[in-house]
């Protein structure tokens, strides 16, 4: 159960413009993350712009973006984010159901390219240890240019922030979101 209330649009007509902006950017949906964030309208507006930018306004391909987001969610044990991205966004980005299912134990899976394996090792290091070993960074750089490395780093940092907020405030997934599959580390 959420530790803070989730704002109902009908209860806050003063936020109708912001709610319209959110639903416009999110396919007509006002998800629980934003219903919680609406307690702080200015933070909500900036969060929406920032999270939209790190997801959609980079040179990272959709598979890289979705794998990174889902891996952060798995490592941090945040079902909310995993359910938002798997399977719908992940499949839309070109990932398979098998890849989504194998992500929790990607090290032993043959379903990921060398490029994705280097990226996943980087995501793991950033999320688990913060300090990224030189060998992990070198492997990443052999597949991604500097702009992509910066964008990936910001994406991973953003979803670590997102996952910590969702976990601390115990924001539940929307009932309409199907379970995403195994979320073990």
N, C-alpha and C. Protein backbone atom coordinates (compact mmCIF):
# COMPACT_ATOMS: atom_id res chain seq x y z
N UNK A 1 0.83 -1.18 0.00
CA UNK A 1 0.00 0.00 0.00
C UNK A 1 0.88 1.25 0.00
N UNK A 2 0.50 2.21 -0.81
CA UNK A 2 1.27 3.44 -0.93
C UNK A 2 1.34 4.20 0.39
N UNK A 3 2.48 4.81 0.64
CA UNK A 3 2.68 5.58 1.86
C UNK A 3 2.16 7.01 1.74
N UNK A 4 1.86 7.44 0.54
CA UNK A 4 1.24 8.74 0.32
C UNK A 4 0.02 8.52 -0.56
N UNK A 5 -0.93 9.42 -0.48
CA UNK A 5 -2.14 9.27 -1.29
C UNK A 5 -1.83 9.51 -2.76
N UNK A 6 -2.66 8.93 -3.60
CA UNK A 6 -2.55 9.12 -5.04
C UNK A 6 -3.63 10.11 -5.46
N UNK A 7 -3.21 11.20 -6.04
CA UNK A 7 -4.12 12.28 -6.40
C UNK A 7 -5.13 11.82 -7.45
N UNK A 8 -6.38 12.13 -7.22
CA UNK A 8 -7.45 11.90 -8.20
C UNK A 8 -7.65 13.22 -8.95
N UNK A 9 -7.62 13.19 -10.28
CA UNK A 9 -7.78 14.43 -11.05
C UNK A 9 -9.01 15.24 -10.66
N UNK A 10 -10.12 14.57 -10.36
CA UNK A 10 -11.36 15.28 -10.02
C UNK A 10 -11.23 16.07 -8.72
N UNK A 11 -10.27 15.66 -7.86
CA UNK A 11 -10.07 16.35 -6.59
C UNK A 11 -9.14 17.56 -6.71
N UNK A 12 -8.47 17.68 -7.84
CA UNK A 12 -7.51 18.77 -8.02
C UNK A 12 -7.70 19.46 -9.38
N UNK A 13 -8.83 20.14 -9.57
CA UNK A 13 -9.06 20.83 -10.84
C UNK A 13 -7.99 21.88 -11.14
N UNK A 14 -7.33 22.39 -10.09
CA UNK A 14 -6.26 23.37 -10.28
C UNK A 14 -5.06 22.78 -11.02
N UNK A 15 -4.99 21.45 -11.10
CA UNK A 15 -3.87 20.78 -11.78
C UNK A 15 -4.26 20.26 -13.16
N UNK A 16 -5.40 20.69 -13.67
CA UNK A 16 -5.90 20.11 -14.93
C UNK A 16 -4.94 20.31 -16.10
N UNK A 17 -4.27 21.45 -16.20
CA UNK A 17 -3.32 21.67 -17.30
C UNK A 17 -2.13 20.71 -17.19
N UNK A 18 -1.61 20.55 -15.99
CA UNK A 18 -0.48 19.64 -15.78
C UNK A 18 -0.91 18.20 -16.04
N UNK A 19 -2.07 17.82 -15.58
CA UNK A 19 -2.57 16.46 -15.81
C UNK A 19 -2.76 16.22 -17.30
N UNK A 20 -3.24 17.22 -18.02
CA UNK A 20 -3.39 17.08 -19.48
C UNK A 20 -2.03 16.91 -20.15
N UNK A 21 -1.02 17.62 -19.66
CA UNK A 21 0.33 17.47 -20.21
C UNK A 21 0.85 16.05 -19.97
N UNK A 22 0.63 15.55 -18.77
CA UNK A 22 1.09 14.19 -18.43
C UNK A 22 0.38 13.16 -19.30
N UNK A 23 -0.93 13.23 -19.35
CA UNK A 23 -1.67 12.22 -20.12
C UNK A 23 -1.36 12.34 -21.61
N UNK A 24 -1.10 13.55 -22.08
CA UNK A 24 -0.71 13.72 -23.47
C UNK A 24 0.62 13.08 -23.78
N UNK A 25 1.54 13.14 -22.84
CA UNK A 25 2.87 12.54 -23.02
C UNK A 25 2.87 11.04 -22.76
N UNK A 26 1.85 10.53 -22.09
CA UNK A 26 1.84 9.14 -21.66
C UNK A 26 0.70 8.34 -22.27
N UNK A 27 0.34 8.67 -23.48
CA UNK A 27 -0.68 7.88 -24.17
C UNK A 27 -2.05 7.92 -23.54
N UNK A 28 -2.39 9.03 -22.91
CA UNK A 28 -3.71 9.18 -22.32
C UNK A 28 -3.85 8.64 -20.91
N UNK A 29 -2.76 8.13 -20.34
CA UNK A 29 -2.83 7.49 -19.02
C UNK A 29 -2.20 8.37 -17.94
N UNK A 30 -2.83 8.40 -16.78
CA UNK A 30 -2.25 9.03 -15.60
C UNK A 30 -1.88 7.90 -14.65
N UNK A 31 -0.64 7.48 -14.72
CA UNK A 31 -0.19 6.33 -13.93
C UNK A 31 0.06 6.74 -12.48
N UNK A 32 0.14 5.76 -11.61
CA UNK A 32 0.29 6.01 -10.18
C UNK A 32 1.52 6.82 -9.83
N UNK A 33 2.60 6.66 -10.56
CA UNK A 33 3.80 7.46 -10.28
C UNK A 33 3.47 8.95 -10.36
N UNK A 34 2.74 9.34 -11.38
CA UNK A 34 2.38 10.75 -11.53
C UNK A 34 1.28 11.17 -10.57
N UNK A 35 0.39 10.26 -10.23
CA UNK A 35 -0.64 10.58 -9.23
C UNK A 35 0.01 10.86 -7.88
N UNK A 36 1.11 10.19 -7.58
CA UNK A 36 1.86 10.46 -6.36
C UNK A 36 2.62 11.78 -6.49
N UNK A 37 3.31 11.95 -7.61
CA UNK A 37 4.13 13.15 -7.81
C UNK A 37 3.31 14.44 -7.81
N UNK A 38 2.04 14.36 -8.17
CA UNK A 38 1.20 15.56 -8.24
C UNK A 38 1.08 16.29 -6.90
N UNK A 39 1.51 15.67 -5.81
CA UNK A 39 1.57 16.38 -4.53
C UNK A 39 2.53 17.56 -4.64
N UNK A 40 3.47 17.50 -5.57
CA UNK A 40 4.42 18.58 -5.81
C UNK A 40 4.37 18.92 -7.30
N UNK A 41 3.48 19.82 -7.70
CA UNK A 41 3.27 20.08 -9.13
C UNK A 41 4.53 20.50 -9.89
N UNK A 42 5.37 21.35 -9.32
CA UNK A 42 6.57 21.78 -10.03
C UNK A 42 7.53 20.61 -10.24
N UNK A 43 7.70 19.79 -9.21
CA UNK A 43 8.55 18.60 -9.36
C UNK A 43 7.96 17.68 -10.41
N UNK A 44 6.64 17.53 -10.40
CA UNK A 44 5.98 16.66 -11.38
C UNK A 44 6.27 17.12 -12.80
N UNK A 45 6.14 18.41 -13.06
CA UNK A 45 6.38 18.93 -14.41
C UNK A 45 7.82 18.70 -14.85
N UNK A 46 8.76 18.95 -13.96
CA UNK A 46 10.18 18.75 -14.29
C UNK A 46 10.50 17.26 -14.45
N UNK A 47 9.93 16.43 -13.60
CA UNK A 47 10.11 14.97 -13.69
C UNK A 47 9.65 14.47 -15.05
N UNK A 48 8.45 14.89 -15.45
CA UNK A 48 7.90 14.47 -16.74
C UNK A 48 8.84 14.85 -17.88
N UNK A 49 9.30 16.08 -17.89
CA UNK A 49 10.19 16.53 -18.96
C UNK A 49 11.51 15.76 -18.95
N UNK A 50 12.09 15.59 -17.77
CA UNK A 50 13.37 14.89 -17.66
C UNK A 50 13.25 13.42 -18.04
N UNK A 51 12.26 12.73 -17.47
CA UNK A 51 12.13 11.30 -17.77
C UNK A 51 11.76 11.08 -19.23
N UNK A 52 10.98 11.97 -19.80
CA UNK A 52 10.66 11.86 -21.23
C UNK A 52 11.92 12.04 -22.07
N UNK A 53 12.76 12.98 -21.68
CA UNK A 53 14.00 13.23 -22.43
C UNK A 53 14.94 12.03 -22.36
N UNK A 54 15.14 11.46 -21.17
CA UNK A 54 16.09 10.35 -21.07
C UNK A 54 15.58 9.09 -21.76
N UNK A 55 14.29 8.97 -21.91
CA UNK A 55 13.72 7.80 -22.61
C UNK A 55 13.60 7.99 -24.11
N UNK A 56 13.28 9.20 -24.54
CA UNK A 56 12.89 9.37 -25.94
C UNK A 56 13.72 10.35 -26.75
N UNK A 57 14.59 11.11 -26.12
CA UNK A 57 15.31 12.15 -26.85
C UNK A 57 16.82 11.91 -26.82
N UNK A 58 17.18 10.67 -27.02
CA UNK A 58 18.60 10.30 -27.03
C UNK A 58 18.89 9.54 -28.32
N UNK A 59 20.16 9.23 -28.52
CA UNK A 59 20.55 8.41 -29.66
C UNK A 59 20.60 6.93 -29.31
N UNK A 60 20.18 6.56 -28.12
CA UNK A 60 20.14 5.15 -27.74
C UNK A 60 18.99 4.47 -28.47
N UNK A 61 19.21 3.25 -28.94
CA UNK A 61 18.13 2.51 -29.58
C UNK A 61 17.15 2.03 -28.50
N UNK A 62 15.94 1.72 -28.93
CA UNK A 62 14.89 1.31 -28.00
C UNK A 62 15.22 0.08 -27.19
N UNK A 63 15.90 -0.89 -27.80
CA UNK A 63 16.25 -2.10 -27.05
C UNK A 63 17.22 -1.78 -25.92
N UNK A 64 18.23 -0.97 -26.21
CA UNK A 64 19.18 -0.58 -25.16
C UNK A 64 18.45 0.15 -24.04
N UNK A 65 17.61 1.09 -24.40
CA UNK A 65 16.87 1.87 -23.40
C UNK A 65 16.02 0.96 -22.52
N UNK A 66 15.24 0.10 -23.14
CA UNK A 66 14.33 -0.75 -22.36
C UNK A 66 15.08 -1.80 -21.54
N UNK A 67 16.14 -2.38 -22.09
CA UNK A 67 16.93 -3.33 -21.30
C UNK A 67 17.53 -2.65 -20.08
N UNK A 68 18.06 -1.45 -20.26
CA UNK A 68 18.67 -0.72 -19.14
C UNK A 68 17.62 -0.41 -18.06
N UNK A 69 16.47 0.09 -18.48
CA UNK A 69 15.42 0.44 -17.52
C UNK A 69 14.96 -0.81 -16.76
N UNK A 70 14.68 -1.88 -17.48
CA UNK A 70 14.20 -3.09 -16.82
C UNK A 70 15.26 -3.69 -15.91
N UNK A 71 16.52 -3.63 -16.31
CA UNK A 71 17.59 -4.18 -15.47
C UNK A 71 17.71 -3.39 -14.17
N UNK A 72 17.64 -2.07 -14.23
CA UNK A 72 17.65 -1.26 -13.01
C UNK A 72 16.49 -1.67 -12.11
N UNK A 73 15.31 -1.83 -12.70
CA UNK A 73 14.13 -2.23 -11.91
C UNK A 73 14.33 -3.59 -11.25
N UNK A 74 14.91 -4.52 -11.99
CA UNK A 74 15.16 -5.86 -11.43
C UNK A 74 16.16 -5.77 -10.29
N UNK A 75 17.28 -5.08 -10.51
CA UNK A 75 18.31 -4.98 -9.47
C UNK A 75 17.80 -4.31 -8.21
N UNK A 76 16.92 -3.33 -8.37
CA UNK A 76 16.40 -2.60 -7.21
C UNK A 76 15.11 -3.21 -6.66
N UNK A 77 14.63 -4.28 -7.29
CA UNK A 77 13.43 -4.96 -6.81
C UNK A 77 12.18 -4.10 -6.88
N UNK A 78 12.04 -3.34 -7.98
CA UNK A 78 10.91 -2.43 -8.12
C UNK A 78 9.99 -2.93 -9.22
N UNK A 79 8.98 -3.68 -8.79
CA UNK A 79 8.02 -4.26 -9.72
C UNK A 79 7.25 -3.18 -10.47
N UNK A 80 7.03 -2.04 -9.84
CA UNK A 80 6.28 -0.96 -10.48
C UNK A 80 6.89 -0.61 -11.84
N UNK A 81 8.18 -0.34 -11.87
CA UNK A 81 8.84 0.06 -13.12
C UNK A 81 8.89 -1.11 -14.09
N UNK A 82 9.17 -2.28 -13.60
CA UNK A 82 9.23 -3.45 -14.47
C UNK A 82 7.88 -3.66 -15.16
N UNK A 83 6.80 -3.53 -14.42
CA UNK A 83 5.47 -3.72 -15.03
C UNK A 83 5.13 -2.62 -16.03
N UNK A 84 5.66 -1.44 -15.83
CA UNK A 84 5.40 -0.36 -16.80
C UNK A 84 6.09 -0.65 -18.14
N UNK A 85 7.23 -1.33 -18.09
CA UNK A 85 8.04 -1.49 -19.30
C UNK A 85 7.95 -2.88 -19.93
N UNK A 86 7.64 -3.89 -19.14
CA UNK A 86 7.57 -5.25 -19.68
C UNK A 86 6.16 -5.78 -19.48
N UNK A 87 5.61 -6.33 -20.49
CA UNK A 87 6.26 -6.59 -21.78
C UNK A 87 6.04 -5.51 -22.83
N UNK A 88 5.05 -4.63 -22.66
CA UNK A 88 4.61 -3.76 -23.75
C UNK A 88 5.72 -2.91 -24.38
N UNK A 89 6.36 -2.03 -23.59
CA UNK A 89 7.39 -1.16 -24.17
C UNK A 89 8.57 -1.97 -24.68
N UNK A 90 8.93 -3.01 -23.96
CA UNK A 90 10.09 -3.82 -24.35
C UNK A 90 9.84 -4.52 -25.69
N UNK A 91 8.68 -5.08 -25.86
CA UNK A 91 8.36 -5.76 -27.12
C UNK A 91 8.23 -4.74 -28.25
N UNK A 92 7.64 -3.61 -27.94
CA UNK A 92 7.54 -2.54 -28.93
C UNK A 92 8.93 -2.11 -29.41
N UNK A 93 9.92 -2.18 -28.53
CA UNK A 93 11.30 -1.81 -28.88
C UNK A 93 12.02 -2.91 -29.65
N UNK A 94 11.39 -4.08 -29.77
CA UNK A 94 12.00 -5.16 -30.54
C UNK A 94 12.58 -6.29 -29.71
N UNK A 95 12.41 -6.24 -28.41
CA UNK A 95 12.88 -7.34 -27.56
C UNK A 95 11.87 -8.48 -27.61
N UNK A 96 12.34 -9.66 -27.29
CA UNK A 96 11.46 -10.83 -27.28
C UNK A 96 11.02 -11.15 -25.86
N UNK A 97 9.95 -11.91 -25.75
CA UNK A 97 9.48 -12.36 -24.45
C UNK A 97 10.58 -13.18 -23.77
N UNK A 98 11.32 -13.94 -24.56
CA UNK A 98 12.41 -14.76 -24.00
C UNK A 98 13.51 -13.87 -23.43
N UNK A 99 13.85 -12.79 -24.12
CA UNK A 99 14.87 -11.87 -23.59
C UNK A 99 14.40 -11.21 -22.30
N UNK A 100 13.15 -10.81 -22.27
CA UNK A 100 12.60 -10.20 -21.06
C UNK A 100 12.70 -11.19 -19.90
N UNK A 101 12.33 -12.44 -20.14
CA UNK A 101 12.39 -13.47 -19.11
C UNK A 101 13.80 -13.80 -18.67
N UNK A 102 14.77 -13.64 -19.57
CA UNK A 102 16.17 -13.98 -19.26
C UNK A 102 16.94 -12.82 -18.63
N UNK A 103 16.36 -11.65 -18.59
CA UNK A 103 17.09 -10.47 -18.14
C UNK A 103 17.57 -10.56 -16.70
N UNK A 104 16.82 -11.21 -15.84
CA UNK A 104 17.23 -11.33 -14.44
C UNK A 104 18.55 -12.08 -14.30
N UNK A 105 18.81 -13.01 -15.22
CA UNK A 105 20.06 -13.79 -15.20
C UNK A 105 20.75 -13.69 -16.56
N UNK A 106 20.93 -12.46 -17.03
CA UNK A 106 21.48 -12.23 -18.37
C UNK A 106 22.88 -12.81 -18.53
N UNK A 107 23.64 -12.90 -17.45
CA UNK A 107 25.02 -13.41 -17.53
C UNK A 107 25.07 -14.81 -18.14
N UNK A 108 24.08 -15.63 -17.83
CA UNK A 108 24.12 -17.02 -18.30
C UNK A 108 23.24 -17.25 -19.53
N UNK A 109 22.70 -16.18 -20.09
CA UNK A 109 21.84 -16.30 -21.26
C UNK A 109 22.61 -16.02 -22.55
N UNK A 110 22.22 -16.71 -23.60
CA UNK A 110 22.80 -16.48 -24.92
C UNK A 110 21.90 -15.60 -25.78
N UNK A 111 20.90 -15.02 -25.19
CA UNK A 111 19.91 -14.25 -25.94
C UNK A 111 20.31 -12.79 -26.15
N UNK A 112 21.45 -12.38 -25.59
CA UNK A 112 21.86 -10.99 -25.68
C UNK A 112 23.14 -10.85 -26.48
N UNK A 113 23.18 -9.83 -27.33
CA UNK A 113 24.36 -9.56 -28.15
C UNK A 113 25.52 -9.10 -27.28
N UNK A 114 26.73 -9.11 -27.84
CA UNK A 114 27.89 -8.59 -27.11
C UNK A 114 27.67 -7.12 -26.72
N UNK A 115 27.05 -6.38 -27.60
CA UNK A 115 26.76 -4.97 -27.34
C UNK A 115 25.84 -4.84 -26.12
N UNK A 116 24.78 -5.62 -26.09
CA UNK A 116 23.86 -5.55 -24.95
C UNK A 116 24.49 -6.10 -23.68
N UNK A 117 25.33 -7.09 -23.80
CA UNK A 117 26.01 -7.65 -22.62
C UNK A 117 26.94 -6.60 -22.00
N UNK A 118 27.66 -5.86 -22.84
CA UNK A 118 28.54 -4.80 -22.33
C UNK A 118 27.71 -3.72 -21.62
N UNK A 119 26.58 -3.38 -22.21
CA UNK A 119 25.70 -2.37 -21.62
C UNK A 119 25.11 -2.88 -20.30
N UNK A 120 24.67 -4.12 -20.26
CA UNK A 120 24.09 -4.67 -19.03
C UNK A 120 25.12 -4.76 -17.91
N UNK A 121 26.36 -5.08 -18.24
CA UNK A 121 27.42 -5.09 -17.22
C UNK A 121 27.63 -3.69 -16.66
N UNK A 122 27.55 -2.69 -17.53
CA UNK A 122 27.68 -1.30 -17.10
C UNK A 122 26.50 -0.90 -16.20
N UNK A 123 25.30 -1.25 -16.60
CA UNK A 123 24.11 -0.97 -15.78
C UNK A 123 24.26 -1.62 -14.41
N UNK A 124 24.69 -2.87 -14.38
CA UNK A 124 24.88 -3.57 -13.11
C UNK A 124 25.89 -2.85 -12.23
N UNK A 125 27.02 -2.46 -12.81
CA UNK A 125 28.06 -1.78 -12.02
C UNK A 125 27.56 -0.44 -11.50
N UNK A 126 26.91 0.34 -12.35
CA UNK A 126 26.39 1.64 -11.92
C UNK A 126 25.35 1.50 -10.82
N UNK A 127 24.50 0.50 -10.93
CA UNK A 127 23.40 0.34 -9.99
C UNK A 127 23.85 -0.31 -8.69
N UNK A 128 24.65 -1.34 -8.79
CA UNK A 128 25.06 -2.08 -7.59
C UNK A 128 26.20 -1.39 -6.84
N UNK A 129 27.20 -0.94 -7.59
CA UNK A 129 28.44 -0.48 -6.97
C UNK A 129 28.71 1.01 -7.12
N UNK A 130 28.03 1.66 -8.02
CA UNK A 130 28.23 3.06 -8.40
C UNK A 130 29.55 3.23 -9.14
N UNK A 131 30.64 2.78 -8.58
CA UNK A 131 31.95 2.83 -9.24
C UNK A 131 32.00 1.77 -10.33
N UNK A 132 32.31 2.20 -11.55
CA UNK A 132 32.35 1.28 -12.69
C UNK A 132 33.81 0.90 -12.96
N UNK A 133 34.13 -0.39 -12.92
CA UNK A 133 35.50 -0.82 -13.21
C UNK A 133 35.93 -0.42 -14.63
N UNK A 134 37.22 -0.16 -14.80
CA UNK A 134 37.75 0.24 -16.10
C UNK A 134 37.44 -0.78 -17.19
N UNK A 135 37.54 -2.05 -16.87
CA UNK A 135 37.29 -3.09 -17.88
C UNK A 135 35.83 -3.06 -18.36
N UNK A 136 34.91 -2.82 -17.44
CA UNK A 136 33.49 -2.73 -17.80
C UNK A 136 33.26 -1.51 -18.69
N UNK A 137 33.88 -0.40 -18.32
CA UNK A 137 33.73 0.82 -19.12
C UNK A 137 34.35 0.65 -20.51
N UNK A 138 35.50 0.03 -20.58
CA UNK A 138 36.15 -0.19 -21.88
C UNK A 138 35.29 -1.07 -22.78
N UNK A 139 34.68 -2.09 -22.22
CA UNK A 139 33.79 -2.95 -23.02
C UNK A 139 32.60 -2.14 -23.53
N UNK A 140 32.04 -1.30 -22.69
CA UNK A 140 30.92 -0.46 -23.10
C UNK A 140 31.34 0.47 -24.24
N UNK A 141 32.50 1.11 -24.10
CA UNK A 141 32.98 2.07 -25.11
C UNK A 141 33.29 1.41 -26.44
N UNK A 142 33.52 0.11 -26.44
CA UNK A 142 33.77 -0.56 -27.72
C UNK A 142 32.48 -0.69 -28.54
N UNK A 143 31.34 -0.41 -27.93
CA UNK A 143 30.05 -0.54 -28.62
C UNK A 143 29.25 0.76 -28.69
N UNK A 144 29.57 1.72 -27.85
CA UNK A 144 28.79 2.96 -27.77
C UNK A 144 29.73 4.16 -27.83
N UNK A 145 29.31 5.22 -28.55
CA UNK A 145 30.14 6.42 -28.62
C UNK A 145 29.94 7.26 -27.36
N UNK A 146 30.69 8.36 -27.25
CA UNK A 146 30.65 9.16 -26.03
C UNK A 146 29.26 9.72 -25.73
N UNK A 147 28.57 10.20 -26.75
CA UNK A 147 27.22 10.72 -26.52
C UNK A 147 26.32 9.63 -25.97
N UNK A 148 26.38 8.44 -26.55
CA UNK A 148 25.55 7.34 -26.08
C UNK A 148 25.92 6.91 -24.67
N UNK A 149 27.22 6.95 -24.34
CA UNK A 149 27.65 6.60 -22.98
C UNK A 149 27.08 7.59 -21.97
N UNK A 150 27.14 8.87 -22.31
CA UNK A 150 26.57 9.88 -21.41
C UNK A 150 25.06 9.66 -21.27
N UNK A 151 24.39 9.45 -22.40
CA UNK A 151 22.94 9.26 -22.36
C UNK A 151 22.56 8.01 -21.58
N UNK A 152 23.30 6.93 -21.76
CA UNK A 152 23.04 5.70 -21.01
C UNK A 152 23.27 5.93 -19.51
N UNK A 153 24.35 6.62 -19.18
CA UNK A 153 24.65 6.89 -17.77
C UNK A 153 23.55 7.70 -17.11
N UNK A 154 23.05 8.71 -17.82
CA UNK A 154 21.96 9.53 -17.27
C UNK A 154 20.68 8.71 -17.17
N UNK A 155 20.40 7.88 -18.17
CA UNK A 155 19.22 7.00 -18.13
C UNK A 155 19.28 6.08 -16.91
N UNK A 156 20.41 5.44 -16.69
CA UNK A 156 20.56 4.53 -15.55
C UNK A 156 20.43 5.30 -14.24
N UNK A 157 21.07 6.46 -14.16
CA UNK A 157 20.94 7.28 -12.96
C UNK A 157 19.50 7.70 -12.71
N UNK A 158 18.81 8.09 -13.78
CA UNK A 158 17.41 8.52 -13.66
C UNK A 158 16.52 7.39 -13.17
N UNK A 159 16.72 6.20 -13.70
CA UNK A 159 15.86 5.09 -13.27
C UNK A 159 16.26 4.53 -11.91
N UNK A 160 17.50 4.75 -11.49
CA UNK A 160 17.84 4.44 -10.10
C UNK A 160 17.11 5.41 -9.17
N UNK A 161 17.07 6.70 -9.54
CA UNK A 161 16.30 7.68 -8.77
C UNK A 161 14.82 7.28 -8.74
N UNK A 162 14.29 7.01 -9.92
CA UNK A 162 12.87 6.65 -10.05
C UNK A 162 12.55 5.43 -9.19
N UNK A 163 13.39 4.42 -9.26
CA UNK A 163 13.11 3.19 -8.51
C UNK A 163 13.19 3.42 -7.00
N UNK A 164 14.09 4.27 -6.57
CA UNK A 164 14.20 4.53 -5.14
C UNK A 164 12.99 5.30 -4.61
N UNK A 165 12.48 6.23 -5.40
CA UNK A 165 11.27 6.96 -4.99
C UNK A 165 10.08 6.00 -4.93
N UNK A 166 9.91 5.18 -5.96
CA UNK A 166 8.78 4.25 -5.99
C UNK A 166 8.86 3.26 -4.83
N UNK A 167 10.06 2.76 -4.55
CA UNK A 167 10.25 1.77 -3.48
C UNK A 167 10.01 2.41 -2.10
N UNK A 168 10.59 3.59 -1.87
CA UNK A 168 10.45 4.25 -0.57
C UNK A 168 9.00 4.59 -0.25
N UNK A 169 8.26 5.01 -1.28
CA UNK A 169 6.87 5.41 -1.06
C UNK A 169 5.88 4.29 -1.34
N UNK A 170 6.41 3.11 -1.67
CA UNK A 170 5.60 1.90 -1.90
C UNK A 170 4.45 2.14 -2.88
N UNK A 171 4.79 2.72 -4.01
CA UNK A 171 3.78 2.98 -5.03
C UNK A 171 3.48 1.68 -5.76
N UNK A 172 2.22 1.30 -5.74
CA UNK A 172 1.78 0.04 -6.34
C UNK A 172 1.56 0.19 -7.84
N UNK A 173 1.81 -0.89 -8.59
CA UNK A 173 1.47 -0.87 -10.02
C UNK A 173 -0.04 -0.74 -10.21
N UNK A 174 -0.42 -0.19 -11.33
CA UNK A 174 -1.83 -0.09 -11.66
C UNK A 174 -2.39 -1.50 -11.80
N UNK A 175 -3.62 -1.74 -11.37
CA UNK A 175 -4.21 -3.08 -11.46
C UNK A 175 -4.24 -3.62 -12.88
N UNK A 176 -4.30 -2.75 -13.87
CA UNK A 176 -4.40 -3.20 -15.26
C UNK A 176 -3.08 -3.68 -15.84
N UNK A 177 -1.98 -3.48 -15.12
CA UNK A 177 -0.67 -3.89 -15.62
C UNK A 177 -0.41 -5.34 -15.23
N UNK A 178 -0.25 -6.18 -16.23
CA UNK A 178 0.01 -7.61 -16.00
C UNK A 178 1.39 -7.79 -15.39
N UNK A 179 1.57 -8.85 -14.58
CA UNK A 179 2.90 -9.13 -14.05
C UNK A 179 3.92 -9.27 -15.18
N UNK A 180 5.10 -8.75 -14.94
CA UNK A 180 6.13 -8.70 -15.97
C UNK A 180 6.98 -9.96 -16.04
N UNK A 181 6.92 -10.79 -15.06
CA UNK A 181 7.77 -11.98 -15.05
C UNK A 181 8.72 -11.92 -13.88
N UNK A 182 9.74 -12.77 -13.89
CA UNK A 182 10.64 -12.84 -12.75
C UNK A 182 11.40 -11.54 -12.56
N UNK A 183 11.46 -11.09 -11.33
CA UNK A 183 12.19 -9.86 -11.03
C UNK A 183 13.23 -10.12 -9.96
N UNK A 184 13.94 -11.21 -10.11
CA UNK A 184 15.00 -11.50 -9.14
C UNK A 184 16.32 -10.98 -9.67
N UNK A 185 17.25 -10.83 -8.76
CA UNK A 185 18.54 -10.29 -9.12
C UNK A 185 19.43 -11.38 -9.65
